[in-house]
Amino acid sequence: MEAYLNQMTKKRNVSANIQSVALNAIEFLYREVLKMEMPCLEKLRRIKRYKSISVVMSQRELELTLANMDGTTRMMAEPMYGSGLCIGECAALRVKDIDFDLRSITDSSACPTGRNDLKSMRAYLLKEDFQQFWDYVSPVWAGKFLDQWTTRVMRSRIEPLKREAKTIRRHKDLILNWFVSLRQPIVTR
């Protein structure tokens, strides 16, 4: 028995959990089935359990990762990173679990109640994403951002935001004039 368990660790390269399961199965066999005391296993080599080290991304890596995401993936990744939720918890979020004013999530183990919950979160994330628009200096890059953002909104199936996106598209040139006016000095007479 000792030889079998040692052989598992040496030749089969099993994890500590597999070795523990095998040892517990043998112990159960002796105690419950054979009604005997299990022999002492002095020469048994136990596998050490190593604690895994968490991988932490730098701020730059995180920004690049989130910038390359869009749609549902980004909608889930942002609150997961910001609050430490795992995938299952994020998928089970409901609108009533999220306090947008306090920017907090309450603990809830309930399942999502419907697609409106996802729409609310998506609308909030699209609104927050639009704030990047004001960081642009160049009207060309700001225009590209508006095109991408309005395209994402039009695909979101959120009617109030779609109306806003259509308005932005209609007045895009006027909106981009704001960037041109920033470069021109104000002349007073």
Protein backbone atom coordinates (compact mmCIF):
# COMPACT_ATOMS: atom_id res chain seq x y z
CA MET A 1 0.00 0.00 0.00
CA GLU A 2 2.81 2.37 0.91
CA ALA A 3 4.63 1.45 -2.28
CA TYR A 4 1.51 2.14 -4.36
CA LEU A 5 0.98 5.61 -2.85
CA ASN A 6 4.68 6.47 -3.23
CA GLN A 7 4.64 5.23 -6.81
CA MET A 8 1.70 7.55 -7.51
CA THR A 9 3.72 10.54 -6.43
CA LYS A 10 6.94 9.51 -8.12
CA LYS A 11 5.98 8.04 -11.49
CA ARG A 12 2.48 9.33 -12.11
CA ASN A 13 3.27 12.85 -10.86
CA VAL A 14 -0.15 13.32 -9.21
CA SER A 15 -1.22 16.31 -7.13
CA ALA A 16 -1.47 16.41 -3.35
CA ASN A 17 -5.28 16.24 -3.63
CA ILE A 18 -5.17 12.99 -5.66
CA GLN A 19 -2.82 11.43 -3.13
CA SER A 20 -5.12 12.49 -0.27
CA VAL A 21 -8.17 11.03 -2.02
CA ALA A 22 -6.36 7.71 -2.55
CA LEU A 23 -5.20 7.63 1.08
CA ASN A 24 -8.72 8.43 2.34
CA ALA A 25 -10.18 5.69 0.11
CA ILE A 26 -7.75 3.14 1.56
CA GLU A 27 -8.50 4.32 5.09
CA PHE A 28 -12.25 3.98 4.40
CA LEU A 29 -11.69 0.46 3.02
CA TYR A 30 -9.89 -0.64 6.19
CA ARG A 31 -12.24 1.09 8.66
CA GLU A 32 -15.68 0.45 7.09
CA VAL A 33 -15.34 -2.58 4.82
CA LEU A 34 -12.60 -4.70 6.34
CA LYS A 35 -13.34 -3.55 9.92
CA MET A 36 -9.60 -3.54 10.60
CA GLU A 37 -7.14 -1.00 11.83
CA MET A 38 -5.13 0.54 9.02
CA PRO A 39 -1.41 -0.26 9.18
CA CYS A 40 1.00 2.57 9.94
CA LEU A 41 2.45 4.17 6.81
CA GLU A 42 5.80 5.47 8.11
CA LYS A 43 7.58 5.55 4.76
CA LEU A 44 4.78 7.34 2.92
CA ARG A 45 6.03 10.46 1.16
CA ARG A 46 3.35 13.12 1.28
CA ILE A 47 3.22 15.68 -1.52
CA LYS A 48 3.56 19.26 -0.32
CA ARG A 49 0.74 21.61 -1.13
CA TYR A 50 2.01 24.87 -2.53
CA LYS A 51 0.11 28.08 -2.19
CA SER A 52 -0.43 29.69 -5.54
CA ILE A 53 0.73 33.24 -5.97
CA SER A 54 -1.85 35.60 -7.40
CA VAL A 55 -1.00 37.21 -10.70
CA VAL A 56 -1.43 40.96 -10.51
CA MET A 57 -1.48 43.11 -13.61
CA SER A 58 0.10 46.54 -13.69
CA GLN A 59 -2.15 49.56 -14.24
CA ARG A 60 -0.89 49.82 -17.83
CA GLU A 61 -1.54 46.12 -18.54
CA LEU A 62 -5.04 46.45 -17.11
CA GLU A 63 -5.79 49.51 -19.24
CA LEU A 64 -4.55 47.74 -22.39
CA THR A 65 -6.55 44.61 -21.57
CA LEU A 66 -9.79 46.52 -20.96
CA ALA A 67 -9.19 48.71 -24.03
CA ASN A 68 -9.07 45.58 -26.20
CA MET A 69 -12.39 44.32 -24.85
CA ASP A 70 -15.84 45.38 -25.92
CA GLY A 71 -19.44 44.33 -25.60
CA THR A 72 -20.44 41.77 -23.00
CA THR A 73 -16.84 40.84 -22.22
CA ARG A 74 -15.97 44.40 -21.20
CA MET A 75 -19.29 44.84 -19.44
CA MET A 76 -18.41 41.90 -17.18
CA ALA A 77 -14.67 42.51 -16.86
CA GLU A 78 -14.91 46.05 -15.49
CA PRO A 79 -17.09 45.33 -12.45
CA MET A 80 -15.24 42.04 -11.86
CA TYR A 81 -11.89 43.80 -11.68
CA GLY A 82 -13.18 46.75 -9.71
CA SER A 83 -15.02 44.71 -7.09
CA GLY A 84 -13.20 41.38 -7.07
CA LEU A 85 -16.22 39.37 -8.23
CA CYS A 86 -15.71 35.98 -9.82
CA ILE A 87 -17.45 35.11 -13.10
CA GLY A 88 -20.40 33.31 -11.48
CA GLU A 89 -21.05 36.17 -9.08
CA CYS A 90 -20.88 38.72 -11.88
CA ALA A 91 -23.27 36.70 -14.03
CA ALA A 92 -25.73 36.47 -11.10
CA LEU A 93 -25.78 40.23 -10.42
CA ARG A 94 -29.13 41.96 -10.42
CA VAL A 95 -29.86 45.67 -10.79
CA LYS A 96 -30.95 45.90 -7.17
CA ASP A 97 -27.51 44.54 -6.18
CA ILE A 98 -25.76 47.58 -7.70
CA ASP A 99 -25.81 51.03 -6.15
CA PHE A 100 -24.67 53.35 -8.94
CA ASP A 101 -24.55 56.43 -6.69
CA LEU A 102 -22.26 54.79 -4.13
CA ARG A 103 -20.57 52.67 -6.82
CA SER A 104 -21.01 49.57 -4.71
CA ILE A 105 -22.31 46.04 -5.12
CA THR A 106 -24.26 44.30 -2.38
CA ASP A 107 -23.76 40.59 -1.82
CA SER A 108 -26.50 38.53 -3.38
CA SER A 109 -26.54 34.88 -4.30
CA ALA A 110 -29.75 35.11 -6.33
CA CYS A 111 -29.90 34.40 -10.04
CA PRO A 112 -30.43 37.17 -12.56
CA THR A 113 -34.09 38.03 -13.04
CA GLY A 114 -33.99 38.99 -16.68
CA ARG A 115 -32.34 40.83 -19.53
CA ASN A 116 -33.32 44.27 -18.19
CA ASP A 117 -30.68 43.85 -15.48
CA LEU A 118 -27.98 43.42 -18.07
CA LYS A 119 -29.28 46.36 -20.06
CA SER A 120 -29.07 48.63 -17.03
CA MET A 121 -25.49 47.65 -16.34
CA ARG A 122 -24.58 47.94 -20.02
CA ALA A 123 -26.17 51.41 -20.18
CA TYR A 124 -24.20 52.51 -17.14
CA LEU A 125 -20.92 51.18 -18.56
CA LEU A 126 -21.55 52.83 -21.93
CA LYS A 127 -22.28 56.13 -20.18
CA GLU A 128 -19.07 55.81 -18.15
CA ASP A 129 -17.10 54.85 -21.25
CA PHE A 130 -18.27 58.02 -23.01
CA GLN A 131 -16.41 60.09 -20.41
CA GLN A 132 -13.19 59.17 -22.27
CA PHE A 133 -14.37 61.45 -25.07
CA TRP A 134 -13.43 64.53 -23.07
CA ASP A 135 -9.83 63.32 -22.69
CA TYR A 136 -9.12 63.65 -26.42
CA VAL A 137 -7.23 66.65 -27.77
CA SER A 138 -7.37 65.90 -31.48
CA PRO A 139 -10.71 66.24 -33.28
CA VAL A 140 -9.69 63.36 -35.56
CA TRP A 141 -9.22 60.91 -32.68
CA ALA A 142 -12.29 62.24 -30.91
CA GLY A 143 -14.27 61.63 -34.12
CA LYS A 144 -13.02 58.06 -34.32
CA PHE A 145 -13.99 57.52 -30.69
CA LEU A 146 -17.50 58.91 -31.36
CA ASP A 147 -17.90 56.59 -34.36
CA GLN A 148 -16.87 53.53 -32.33
CA TRP A 149 -18.94 54.52 -29.29
CA THR A 150 -22.10 55.24 -31.28
CA THR A 151 -21.69 51.93 -33.15
CA ARG A 152 -21.48 50.06 -29.83
CA VAL A 153 -24.54 51.91 -28.54
CA MET A 154 -26.56 51.14 -31.67
CA ARG A 155 -25.79 47.43 -31.19
CA SER A 156 -26.70 47.53 -27.50
CA ARG A 157 -30.47 47.43 -28.07
CA ILE A 158 -30.97 50.10 -25.38
CA GLU A 159 -33.48 52.47 -26.96
CA PRO A 160 -32.86 55.65 -24.89
CA LEU A 161 -29.13 55.43 -25.56
CA LYS A 162 -29.74 54.66 -29.23
CA ARG A 163 -31.69 57.92 -29.53
CA GLU A 164 -28.74 59.79 -27.97
CA ALA A 165 -26.31 58.08 -30.34
CA LYS A 166 -28.41 59.14 -33.33
CA THR A 167 -28.38 62.73 -32.06
CA ILE A 168 -24.62 62.61 -31.62
CA ARG A 169 -24.19 61.25 -35.14
CA ARG A 170 -26.38 64.05 -36.57
CA HIS A 171 -24.40 66.75 -34.73
CA LYS A 172 -20.96 65.14 -34.88
CA ASP A 173 -19.35 68.01 -36.82
CA LEU A 174 -20.65 70.60 -34.37
CA ILE A 175 -19.49 68.53 -31.40
CA LEU A 176 -16.01 68.16 -32.91
CA ASN A 177 -15.82 71.95 -33.37
CA TRP A 178 -15.37 72.10 -29.60
CA PHE A 179 -11.88 70.63 -30.07
CA VAL A 180 -11.05 73.18 -32.77
CA SER A 181 -12.22 76.04 -30.54
CA LEU A 182 -9.87 74.85 -27.79
CA ARG A 183 -6.87 75.56 -30.03
CA GLN A 184 -7.96 79.02 -31.10
CA PRO A 185 -7.14 81.89 -28.73
CA ILE A 186 -10.06 83.95 -27.49
CA VAL A 187 -9.84 87.44 -28.94
CA THR A 188 -11.49 90.25 -27.02
CA ARG A 189 -11.73 93.86 -28.25
